[in-house]
Amino acid sequence: VLIKVFATGVNGPDMMQRKGLYPAPAGASDLLGLEVAGEVVAVGDKAARWSVGDKVCGLTNGGGYAEYCVVDAQHCLPLPPGLGLLEAASLPETYFTVWSNVFIGARLAAGETFLIHGGAGGIGTTAIQLAKAFGAKVIATDSPAERCRICTELGADRVIDYREEDFVEVVRKEGGANVILDIVGGPNIERNLKAAAPDARIIQLAFAQGSKVEINLMPVMLKRLSYTGSTLRTRPTAFKTRVARELEEKVWPLLGSGKIKPVVHATFELAAAGKAHALMESSAHTGKILLTVA
């Protein structure tokens, strides 16, 4: 489908692509932008579900920073009831990412303990809410106090200011984490192994503090840990279609009822994308940053 873009989300991979570290896959637009919301203005022959005039949001392989964007029809979703285009533009990238990694990949179950680093960011605010909605006990790390407060407001059972407390000690006292979602890397990599419960699943989504470390892997063997990571952009089309359908069935009703909610920190006009990137790279934001096009 061809979408007239109303708004697009700003995400970590956009920063990497701007620096030449995350090139677009073959056949995809070389413009930045991995999620959009807007109005369908043209429909391909096989996109039977959608019609011209439909309001949708969708996950893209690139091209979102534009007035128009082509999106795989199977990776589009209707707007959750009660949400507008601006809020909907904040959903696809983080919700696809968290659902595919935490719920499909790591199989987070009700009653398990979930540790999320960077709880007040775009991924974090989504992960906290989804984990709580599906019955997990949530421990979040962040700093300073204002960011920790946001984690608490979103439902985290325990929030750790990593500048004030040792998350390994806190999590161990809670019995260890069954699933850990980390965007920090660096020294966190080995410390996550220490905080993990037996048979835990550790997910690495980014490396804000570096990907090259020297660690003792013995805990992986002794605790039977699983350590994994992924980039969403290169996942097969069929897998992303599965994620879209599961989100529509299991998560979109929660957004519609208000049980979980988008967290939008700031919006910029498309021409001010550079300012939006500067804000994201400053780590002074909470939740999502959006660019408006229309």
C-alpha atoms as a PDB file:
ATOM      1  CA  VAL A   1       0.000   0.000   0.000  1.00  0.00           C
ATOM      2  CA  LEU A   2       1.065   3.594  -0.528  1.00  0.00           C
ATOM      3  CA  ILE A   3       0.560   5.691   2.585  1.00  0.00           C
ATOM      4  CA  LYS A   4       0.331   9.478   2.738  1.00  0.00           C
ATOM      5  CA  VAL A   5       2.402   9.925   5.871  1.00  0.00           C
ATOM      6  CA  PHE A   6       1.000  11.954   8.751  1.00  0.00           C
ATOM      7  CA  ALA A   7       3.755  11.104  11.224  1.00  0.00           C
ATOM      8  CA  THR A   8       6.768   8.828  11.554  1.00  0.00           C
ATOM      9  CA  GLY A   9       8.686   7.605  14.582  1.00  0.00           C
ATOM     10  CA  VAL A  10      12.327   8.293  15.416  1.00  0.00           C
ATOM     11  CA  ASN A  11      14.202   5.189  16.544  1.00  0.00           C
ATOM     12  CA  GLY A  12      17.700   4.098  17.506  1.00  0.00           C
ATOM     13  CA  PRO A  13      18.345   2.379  14.169  1.00  0.00           C
ATOM     14  CA  ASP A  14      17.772   5.749  12.451  1.00  0.00           C
ATOM     15  CA  MET A  15      20.781   7.123  14.323  1.00  0.00           C
ATOM     16  CA  MET A  16      22.867   4.156  13.207  1.00  0.00           C
ATOM     17  CA  GLN A  17      21.768   4.449   9.576  1.00  0.00           C
ATOM     18  CA  ARG A  18      22.527   8.183   9.555  1.00  0.00           C
ATOM     19  CA  LYS A  19      26.078   7.323  10.643  1.00  0.00           C
ATOM     20  CA  GLY A  20      26.426   4.672   7.939  1.00  0.00           C
ATOM     21  CA  LEU A  21      26.302   1.759  10.383  1.00  0.00           C
ATOM     22  CA  TYR A  22      22.901   0.266   9.464  1.00  0.00           C
ATOM     23  CA  PRO A  23      22.350   0.291   5.691  1.00  0.00           C
ATOM     24  CA  ALA A  24      18.918  -0.315   4.195  1.00  0.00           C
ATOM     25  CA  PRO A  25      18.334  -3.886   2.998  1.00  0.00           C
ATOM     26  CA  ALA A  26      18.286  -4.606  -0.722  1.00  0.00           C
ATOM     27  CA  GLY A  27      15.206  -3.207  -2.411  1.00  0.00           C
ATOM     28  CA  ALA A  28      14.242  -0.912   0.491  1.00  0.00           C
ATOM     29  CA  SER A  29      14.206   2.875   0.443  1.00  0.00           C
ATOM     30  CA  ASP A  30      17.475   4.415   1.549  1.00  0.00           C
ATOM     31  CA  LEU A  31      15.566   7.117   3.425  1.00  0.00           C
ATOM     32  CA  LEU A  32      15.345   6.850   7.205  1.00  0.00           C
ATOM     33  CA  GLY A  33      12.136   5.902   8.979  1.00  0.00           C
ATOM     34  CA  LEU A  34      10.954   2.472  10.134  1.00  0.00           C
ATOM     35  CA  GLU A  35       7.350   3.235  11.120  1.00  0.00           C
ATOM     36  CA  VAL A  36       4.587   5.475   9.846  1.00  0.00           C
ATOM     37  CA  ALA A  37       0.954   6.350  10.347  1.00  0.00           C
ATOM     38  CA  GLY A  38      -1.252   7.944   7.757  1.00  0.00           C
ATOM     39  CA  GLU A  39      -3.869   7.418   5.079  1.00  0.00           C
ATOM     40  CA  VAL A  40      -3.836   4.757   2.373  1.00  0.00           C
ATOM     41  CA  VAL A  41      -3.842   6.473  -1.030  1.00  0.00           C
ATOM     42  CA  ALA A  42      -3.120   3.491  -3.308  1.00  0.00           C
ATOM     43  CA  VAL A  43      -3.509  -0.260  -2.938  1.00  0.00           C
ATOM     44  CA  GLY A  44      -1.661  -3.092  -4.647  1.00  0.00           C
ATOM     45  CA  ASP A  45      -3.483  -5.961  -6.355  1.00  0.00           C
ATOM     46  CA  LYS A  46      -2.850  -8.395  -3.481  1.00  0.00           C
ATOM     47  CA  ALA A  47      -3.560  -5.991  -0.621  1.00  0.00           C
ATOM     48  CA  ALA A  48      -7.192  -7.009  -0.357  1.00  0.00           C
ATOM     49  CA  ARG A  49      -7.717  -5.940   3.239  1.00  0.00           C
ATOM     50  CA  TRP A  50      -7.029  -2.243   2.745  1.00  0.00           C
ATOM     51  CA  SER A  51      -8.863   0.422   0.755  1.00  0.00           C
ATOM     52  CA  VAL A  52      -8.034   3.971  -0.282  1.00  0.00           C
ATOM     53  CA  GLY A  53      -8.904   6.247   2.629  1.00  0.00           C
ATOM     54  CA  ASP A  54      -8.122   3.759   5.406  1.00  0.00           C
ATOM     55  CA  LYS A  55      -6.176   5.134   8.350  1.00  0.00           C
ATOM     56  CA  VAL A  56      -3.340   2.776   9.264  1.00  0.00           C
ATOM     57  CA  CYS A  57       0.019   2.509  10.944  1.00  0.00           C
ATOM     58  CA  GLY A  58       2.726   0.233   9.672  1.00  0.00           C
ATOM     59  CA  LEU A  59       6.226  -1.140  10.019  1.00  0.00           C
ATOM     60  CA  THR A  60       8.538  -0.265   7.128  1.00  0.00           C
ATOM     61  CA  ASN A  61      11.973  -1.310   5.924  1.00  0.00           C
ATOM     62  CA  GLY A  62      12.774   2.370   5.412  1.00  0.00           C
ATOM     63  CA  GLY A  63      11.327   5.459   3.788  1.00  0.00           C
ATOM     64  CA  GLY A  64       9.249   6.795   6.661  1.00  0.00           C
ATOM     65  CA  TYR A  65      10.873  10.252   6.673  1.00  0.00           C
ATOM     66  CA  ALA A  66       8.850  11.289   3.631  1.00  0.00           C
ATOM     67  CA  GLU A  67       5.470  12.576   2.467  1.00  0.00           C
ATOM     68  CA  TYR A  68       4.573   9.162   1.026  1.00  0.00           C
ATOM     69  CA  CYS A  69       5.799   5.693   1.960  1.00  0.00           C
ATOM     70  CA  VAL A  70       5.243   2.241   0.452  1.00  0.00           C
ATOM     71  CA  VAL A  71       4.541  -0.378   3.135  1.00  0.00           C
ATOM     72  CA  ASP A  72       3.932  -4.117   2.919  1.00  0.00           C
ATOM     73  CA  ALA A  73       0.171  -4.437   3.388  1.00  0.00           C
ATOM     74  CA  GLN A  74       0.690  -7.369   5.756  1.00  0.00           C
ATOM     75  CA  HIS A  75       2.743  -5.170   8.071  1.00  0.00           C
ATOM     76  CA  CYS A  76       0.019  -2.534   8.418  1.00  0.00           C
ATOM     77  CA  LEU A  77      -2.411  -2.361  11.303  1.00  0.00           C
ATOM     78  CA  PRO A  78      -5.605  -0.390  11.889  1.00  0.00           C
ATOM     79  CA  LEU A  79      -5.491   2.395  14.428  1.00  0.00           C
ATOM     80  CA  PRO A  80      -6.361   1.084  17.909  1.00  0.00           C
ATOM     81  CA  PRO A  81      -9.800   2.366  18.983  1.00  0.00           C
ATOM     82  CA  GLY A  82      -9.578   5.850  20.425  1.00  0.00           C
ATOM     83  CA  LEU A  83      -6.063   6.583  19.154  1.00  0.00           C
ATOM     84  CA  GLY A  84      -5.214   9.167  16.520  1.00  0.00           C
ATOM     85  CA  LEU A  85      -2.607   9.062  13.782  1.00  0.00           C
ATOM     86  CA  LEU A  86       0.032  10.815  15.879  1.00  0.00           C
ATOM     87  CA  GLU A  87      -0.140   8.276  18.701  1.00  0.00           C
ATOM     88  CA  ALA A  88      -0.383   5.391  16.242  1.00  0.00           C
ATOM     89  CA  ALA A  89       2.878   6.460  14.587  1.00  0.00           C
ATOM     90  CA  SER A  90       4.671   5.700  17.867  1.00  0.00           C
ATOM     91  CA  LEU A  91       3.587   2.060  17.954  1.00  0.00           C
ATOM     92  CA  PRO A  92       4.941  -0.223  15.195  1.00  0.00           C
ATOM     93  CA  GLU A  93       8.710  -0.291  15.697  1.00  0.00           C
ATOM     94  CA  THR A  94       8.748  -0.713  19.471  1.00  0.00           C
ATOM     95  CA  TYR A  95       5.697  -2.973  19.705  1.00  0.00           C
ATOM     96  CA  PHE A  96       6.911  -5.278  16.912  1.00  0.00           C
ATOM     97  CA  THR A  97      10.354  -5.342  18.566  1.00  0.00           C
ATOM     98  CA  VAL A  98       9.189  -6.078  22.097  1.00  0.00           C
ATOM     99  CA  TRP A  99       6.537  -8.594  21.086  1.00  0.00           C
ATOM    100  CA  SER A 100       8.843 -10.533  18.766  1.00  0.00           C
ATOM    101  CA  ASN A 101      11.740 -10.679  21.216  1.00  0.00           C
ATOM    102  CA  VAL A 102      10.115 -10.877  24.637  1.00  0.00           C
ATOM    103  CA  PHE A 103       6.929 -12.825  23.961  1.00  0.00           C
ATOM    104  CA  ILE A 104       7.683 -14.891  20.854  1.00  0.00           C
ATOM    105  CA  GLY A 105      11.429 -15.359  21.283  1.00  0.00           C
ATOM    106  CA  ALA A 106      11.911 -15.411  25.076  1.00  0.00           C
ATOM    107  CA  ARG A 107       8.392 -16.670  25.840  1.00  0.00           C
ATOM    108  CA  LEU A 108       7.852 -14.406  28.853  1.00  0.00           C
ATOM    109  CA  ALA A 109       5.079 -15.973  30.923  1.00  0.00           C
ATOM    110  CA  ALA A 110       2.751 -14.731  33.644  1.00  0.00           C
ATOM    111  CA  GLY A 111       4.388 -14.937  37.058  1.00  0.00           C
ATOM    112  CA  GLU A 112       7.945 -14.648  35.735  1.00  0.00           C
ATOM    113  CA  THR A 113      10.299 -11.818  36.673  1.00  0.00           C
ATOM    114  CA  PHE A 114      11.224  -9.492  33.818  1.00  0.00           C
ATOM    115  CA  LEU A 115      14.189  -7.108  34.020  1.00  0.00           C
ATOM    116  CA  ILE A 116      14.271  -4.223  31.557  1.00  0.00           C
ATOM    117  CA  HIS A 117      17.185  -1.779  31.327  1.00  0.00           C
ATOM    118  CA  GLY A 118      16.413   1.766  30.191  1.00  0.00           C
ATOM    119  CA  GLY A 119      12.809   1.539  31.301  1.00  0.00           C
ATOM    120  CA  ALA A 120      11.858   5.126  30.446  1.00  0.00           C
ATOM    121  CA  GLY A 121      12.927   4.969  26.790  1.00  0.00           C
ATOM    122  CA  GLY A 122      10.867   4.002  23.771  1.00  0.00           C
ATOM    123  CA  ILE A 123      11.533   0.264  24.069  1.00  0.00           C
ATOM    124  CA  GLY A 124      11.378   0.389  27.866  1.00  0.00           C
ATOM    125  CA  THR A 125       8.012   2.131  28.214  1.00  0.00           C
ATOM    126  CA  THR A 126       6.530  -0.392  25.805  1.00  0.00           C
ATOM    127  CA  ALA A 127       8.160  -3.396  27.473  1.00  0.00           C
ATOM    128  CA  ILE A 128       7.095  -2.417  31.004  1.00  0.00           C
ATOM    129  CA  GLN A 129       3.461  -2.041  30.006  1.00  0.00           C
ATOM    130  CA  LEU A 130       3.276  -5.209  27.929  1.00  0.00           C
ATOM    131  CA  ALA A 131       5.005  -7.352  30.545  1.00  0.00           C
ATOM    132  CA  LYS A 132       2.675  -6.101  33.283  1.00  0.00           C
ATOM    133  CA  ALA A 133      -0.401  -6.525  31.091  1.00  0.00           C
ATOM    134  CA  PHE A 134       0.475 -10.185  30.558  1.00  0.00           C
ATOM    135  CA  GLY A 135       1.134 -10.936  34.199  1.00  0.00           C
ATOM    136  CA  ALA A 136       4.906 -10.639  34.713  1.00  0.00           C
ATOM    137  CA  LYS A 137       6.682  -9.063  37.661  1.00  0.00           C
ATOM    138  CA  VAL A 138       8.640  -6.110  36.244  1.00  0.00           C
ATOM    139  CA  ILE A 139      11.935  -4.692  37.493  1.00  0.00           C
ATOM    140  CA  ALA A 140      13.231  -1.655  35.580  1.00  0.00           C
ATOM    141  CA  THR A 141      16.508   0.230  35.714  1.00  0.00           C
ATOM    142  CA  ASP A 142      17.049   3.866  34.762  1.00  0.00           C
ATOM    143  CA  SER A 143      18.350   7.200  36.068  1.00  0.00           C
ATOM    144  CA  PRO A 144      17.844   9.950  37.251  1.00  0.00           C
ATOM    145  CA  ALA A 145      14.838  10.013  39.589  1.00  0.00           C
ATOM    146  CA  GLU A 146      12.424  11.528  37.056  1.00  0.00           C
ATOM    147  CA  ARG A 147      12.999   8.681  34.622  1.00  0.00           C
ATOM    148  CA  CYS A 148      12.597   6.179  37.444  1.00  0.00           C
ATOM    149  CA  ARG A 149       9.302   7.811  38.394  1.00  0.00           C
ATOM    150  CA  ILE A 150       7.979   7.270  34.877  1.00  0.00           C
ATOM    151  CA  CYS A 151       8.833   3.565  35.104  1.00  0.00           C
ATOM    152  CA  THR A 152       6.855   3.337  38.340  1.00  0.00           C
ATOM    153  CA  GLU A 153       3.873   5.163  36.848  1.00  0.00           C
ATOM    154  CA  LEU A 154       3.823   2.721  33.932  1.00  0.00           C
ATOM    155  CA  GLY A 155       3.541  -0.203  36.335  1.00  0.00           C
ATOM    156  CA  ALA A 156       7.037  -1.431  37.173  1.00  0.00           C
ATOM    157  CA  ASP A 157       6.988  -3.328  40.480  1.00  0.00           C
ATOM    158  CA  ARG A 158      10.522  -2.282  41.402  1.00  0.00           C
ATOM    159  CA  VAL A 159      12.582   0.510  39.853  1.00  0.00           C
ATOM    160  CA  ILE A 160      16.342   0.689  40.323  1.00  0.00           C
ATOM    161  CA  ASP A 161      18.281   3.918  39.899  1.00  0.00           C
ATOM    162  CA  TYR A 162      21.457   2.346  38.538  1.00  0.00           C
ATOM    163  CA  ARG A 163      23.546   5.246  39.858  1.00  0.00           C
ATOM    164  CA  GLU A 164      22.294   4.612  43.400  1.00  0.00           C
ATOM    165  CA  GLU A 165      21.865   0.820  43.589  1.00  0.00           C
ATOM    166  CA  ASP A 166      23.487  -2.317  42.193  1.00  0.00           C
ATOM    167  CA  PHE A 167      20.853  -3.939  40.030  1.00  0.00           C
ATOM    168  CA  VAL A 168      22.529  -7.345  40.379  1.00  0.00           C
ATOM    169  CA  GLU A 169      22.093  -7.322  44.155  1.00  0.00           C
ATOM    170  CA  VAL A 170      18.498  -6.094  43.962  1.00  0.00           C
ATOM    171  CA  VAL A 171      17.451  -8.621  41.328  1.00  0.00           C
ATOM    172  CA  ARG A 172      19.164 -11.497  43.118  1.00  0.00           C
ATOM    173  CA  LYS A 173      17.219 -10.659  46.291  1.00  0.00           C
ATOM    174  CA  GLU A 174      14.073 -10.918  44.184  1.00  0.00           C
ATOM    175  CA  GLY A 175      15.058 -14.429  43.099  1.00  0.00           C
ATOM    176  CA  GLY A 176      16.737 -13.494  39.828  1.00  0.00           C
ATOM    177  CA  ALA A 177      15.258 -12.465  36.496  1.00  0.00           C
ATOM    178  CA  ASN A 178      13.679 -15.013  34.164  1.00  0.00           C
ATOM    179  CA  VAL A 179      13.856 -12.694  31.151  1.00  0.00           C
ATOM    180  CA  ILE A 180      16.222  -9.719  30.725  1.00  0.00           C
ATOM    181  CA  LEU A 181      15.921  -7.098  27.988  1.00  0.00           C
ATOM    182  CA  ASP A 182      19.047  -4.965  27.581  1.00  0.00           C
ATOM    183  CA  ILE A 183      19.874  -2.031  25.326  1.00  0.00           C
ATOM    184  CA  VAL A 184      22.983  -0.968  27.256  1.00  0.00           C
ATOM    185  CA  GLY A 185      25.574  -3.686  26.636  1.00  0.00           C
ATOM    186  CA  GLY A 186      29.115  -2.953  27.831  1.00  0.00           C
ATOM    187  CA  PRO A 187      29.467  -3.803  31.528  1.00  0.00           C
ATOM    188  CA  ASN A 188      25.811  -4.836  31.686  1.00  0.00           C
ATOM    189  CA  ILE A 189      26.516  -7.925  29.608  1.00  0.00           C
ATOM    190  CA  GLU A 190      28.373  -9.828  32.318  1.00  0.00           C
ATOM    191  CA  ARG A 191      26.223  -8.372  35.103  1.00  0.00           C
ATOM    192  CA  ASN A 192      23.075  -9.615  33.385  1.00  0.00           C
ATOM    193  CA  LEU A 193      24.479 -13.146  33.600  1.00  0.00           C
ATOM    194  CA  LYS A 194      24.841 -12.669  37.358  1.00  0.00           C
ATOM    195  CA  ALA A 195      21.309 -11.266  37.765  1.00  0.00           C
ATOM    196  CA  ALA A 196      19.700 -14.045  35.747  1.00  0.00           C
ATOM    197  CA  ALA A 197      17.724 -16.860  37.342  1.00  0.00           C
ATOM    198  CA  PRO A 198      18.344 -20.462  36.241  1.00  0.00           C
ATOM    199  CA  ASP A 199      17.036 -21.105  32.705  1.00  0.00           C
ATOM    200  CA  ALA A 200      16.731 -17.348  32.090  1.00  0.00           C
ATOM    201  CA  ARG A 201      16.557 -15.805  28.633  1.00  0.00           C
ATOM    202  CA  ILE A 202      18.650 -12.689  27.989  1.00  0.00           C
ATOM    203  CA  ILE A 203      17.831 -10.457  24.999  1.00  0.00           C
ATOM    204  CA  GLN A 204      20.352  -7.930  23.676  1.00  0.00           C
ATOM    205  CA  LEU A 205      18.719  -5.274  21.498  1.00  0.00           C
ATOM    206  CA  ALA A 206      21.392  -2.566  21.432  1.00  0.00           C
ATOM    207  CA  PHE A 207      24.850  -1.693  22.749  1.00  0.00           C
ATOM    208  CA  ALA A 208      24.733   1.875  24.049  1.00  0.00           C
ATOM    209  CA  GLN A 209      27.919   1.221  26.040  1.00  0.00           C
ATOM    210  CA  GLY A 210      29.646  -1.049  23.561  1.00  0.00           C
ATOM    211  CA  SER A 211      29.468  -4.563  22.142  1.00  0.00           C
ATOM    212  CA  LYS A 212      33.062  -5.685  22.702  1.00  0.00           C
ATOM    213  CA  VAL A 213      33.625  -7.025  26.213  1.00  0.00           C
ATOM    214  CA  GLU A 214      35.595  -9.724  28.000  1.00  0.00           C
ATOM    215  CA  ILE A 215      33.299 -11.835  30.188  1.00  0.00           C
ATOM    216  CA  ASN A 216      33.189 -15.069  32.132  1.00  0.00           C
ATOM    217  CA  LEU A 217      30.674 -17.307  30.361  1.00  0.00           C
ATOM    218  CA  MET A 218      30.582 -19.945  33.092  1.00  0.00           C
ATOM    219  CA  PRO A 219      27.145 -18.759  34.357  1.00  0.00           C
ATOM    220  CA  VAL A 220      25.665 -19.555  30.928  1.00  0.00           C
ATOM    221  CA  MET A 221      26.542 -23.223  31.500  1.00  0.00           C
ATOM    222  CA  LEU A 222      25.829 -23.414  35.210  1.00  0.00           C
ATOM    223  CA  LYS A 223      22.436 -21.666  34.977  1.00  0.00           C
ATOM    224  CA  ARG A 224      21.480 -23.018  31.513  1.00  0.00           C
ATOM    225  CA  LEU A 225      21.053 -19.465  30.209  1.00  0.00           C
ATOM    226  CA  SER A 226      19.972 -18.461  26.713  1.00  0.00           C
ATOM    227  CA  TYR A 227      21.563 -15.296  25.288  1.00  0.00           C
ATOM    228  CA  THR A 228      20.151 -13.880  22.088  1.00  0.00           C
ATOM    229  CA  GLY A 229      19.576 -10.714  20.101  1.00  0.00           C
ATOM    230  CA  SER A 230      18.087  -9.585  16.820  1.00  0.00           C
ATOM    231  CA  THR A 231      17.492  -6.746  14.415  1.00  0.00           C
ATOM    232  CA  LEU A 232      13.890  -6.475  13.274  1.00  0.00           C
ATOM    233  CA  ARG A 233      14.568  -4.998   9.857  1.00  0.00           C
ATOM    234  CA  THR A 234      16.178  -8.157   8.464  1.00  0.00           C
ATOM    235  CA  ARG A 235      13.579 -10.605   9.794  1.00  0.00           C
ATOM    236  CA  PRO A 236      11.613 -12.449   7.065  1.00  0.00           C
ATOM    237  CA  THR A 237       8.405 -10.896   5.766  1.00  0.00           C
ATOM    238  CA  ALA A 238       6.360 -13.870   6.984  1.00  0.00           C
ATOM    239  CA  PHE A 239       7.669 -13.474  10.534  1.00  0.00           C
ATOM    240  CA  LYS A 240       6.792  -9.778  10.654  1.00  0.00           C
ATOM    241  CA  THR A 241       3.344 -10.646   9.293  1.00  0.00           C
ATOM    242  CA  ARG A 242       2.911 -13.094  12.190  1.00  0.00           C
ATOM    243  CA  VAL A 243       3.915 -10.397  14.664  1.00  0.00           C
ATOM    244  CA  ALA A 244       1.422  -7.944  13.144  1.00  0.00           C
ATOM    245  CA  ARG A 245      -1.431 -10.427  13.457  1.00  0.00           C
ATOM    246  CA  GLU A 246      -0.571 -11.302  17.060  1.00  0.00           C
ATOM    247  CA  LEU A 247      -0.342  -7.640  18.007  1.00  0.00           C
ATOM    248  CA  GLU A 248      -3.727  -6.912  16.464  1.00  0.00           C
ATOM    249  CA  GLU A 249      -5.300  -9.848  18.270  1.00  0.00           C
ATOM    250  CA  LYS A 250      -3.666  -9.591  21.691  1.00  0.00           C
ATOM    251  CA  VAL A 251      -2.313  -6.060  22.151  1.00  0.00           C
ATOM    252  CA  TRP A 252      -4.441  -3.665  20.102  1.00  0.00           C
ATOM    253  CA  PRO A 253      -7.494  -4.316  22.352  1.00  0.00           C
ATOM    254  CA  LEU A 254      -5.374  -3.323  25.365  1.00  0.00           C
ATOM    255  CA  LEU A 255      -4.426  -0.066  23.646  1.00  0.00           C
ATOM    256  CA  GLY A 256      -8.063   0.500  22.740  1.00  0.00           C
ATOM    257  CA  SER A 257      -9.198  -0.006  26.329  1.00  0.00           C
ATOM    258  CA  GLY A 258      -6.470   2.228  27.753  1.00  0.00           C
ATOM    259  CA  LYS A 259      -4.885  -0.580  29.774  1.00  0.00           C
ATOM    260  CA  ILE A 260      -1.651   0.265  27.983  1.00  0.00           C
ATOM    261  CA  LYS A 261      -0.906   3.567  26.300  1.00  0.00           C
ATOM    262  CA  PRO A 262       1.537   5.193  23.898  1.00  0.00           C
ATOM    263  CA  VAL A 263       4.173   7.351  25.565  1.00  0.00           C
ATOM    264  CA  VAL A 264       5.153  10.273  23.325  1.00  0.00           C
ATOM    265  CA  HIS A 265       7.784  12.687  24.595  1.00  0.00           C
ATOM    266  CA  ALA A 266       8.076  15.184  21.746  1.00  0.00           C
ATOM    267  CA  THR A 267       7.121  15.886  18.152  1.00  0.00           C
ATOM    268  CA  PHE A 268       9.073  17.789  15.508  1.00  0.00           C
ATOM    269  CA  GLU A 269       8.298  18.757  11.943  1.00  0.00           C
ATOM    270  CA  LEU A 270      10.066  16.584   9.390  1.00  0.00           C
ATOM    271  CA  ALA A 271      12.387  19.434   8.426  1.00  0.00           C
ATOM    272  CA  ALA A 272      13.642  19.462  12.036  1.00  0.00           C
ATOM    273  CA  ALA A 273      14.643  15.783  12.007  1.00  0.00           C
ATOM    274  CA  GLY A 274      18.163  16.787  13.007  1.00  0.00           C
ATOM    275  CA  LYS A 275      16.852  18.288  16.253  1.00  0.00           C
ATOM    276  CA  ALA A 276      14.862  15.127  16.915  1.00  0.00           C
ATOM    277  CA  HIS A 277      18.000  13.023  16.464  1.00  0.00           C
ATOM    278  CA  ALA A 278      19.947  15.321  18.791  1.00  0.00           C
ATOM    279  CA  LEU A 279      17.280  14.879  21.457  1.00  0.00           C
ATOM    280  CA  MET A 280      17.361  11.105  21.127  1.00  0.00           C
ATOM    281  CA  GLU A 281      21.142  11.004  21.290  1.00  0.00           C
ATOM    282  CA  SER A 282      21.100  13.177  24.427  1.00  0.00           C
ATOM    283  CA  SER A 283      19.043  10.509  26.237  1.00  0.00           C
ATOM    284  CA  ALA A 284      16.957  13.340  27.690  1.00  0.00           C
ATOM    285  CA  HIS A 285      13.701  11.936  26.296  1.00  0.00           C
ATOM    286  CA  THR A 286      11.200   9.490  27.743  1.00  0.00           C
ATOM    287  CA  GLY A 287       9.110   7.328  25.462  1.00  0.00           C
ATOM    288  CA  LYS A 288       8.933   8.087  21.746  1.00  0.00           C
ATOM    289  CA  ILE A 289       9.989  11.010  19.564  1.00  0.00           C
ATOM    290  CA  LEU A 290       7.888  11.651  16.441  1.00  0.00           C
ATOM    291  CA  LEU A 291       8.187  13.631  13.222  1.00  0.00           C
ATOM    292  CA  THR A 292       5.052  15.121  11.705  1.00  0.00           C
ATOM    293  CA  VAL A 293       4.783  15.346   7.942  1.00  0.00           C
ATOM    294  CA  ALA A 294       1.260  16.481   7.068  1.00  0.00           C
END
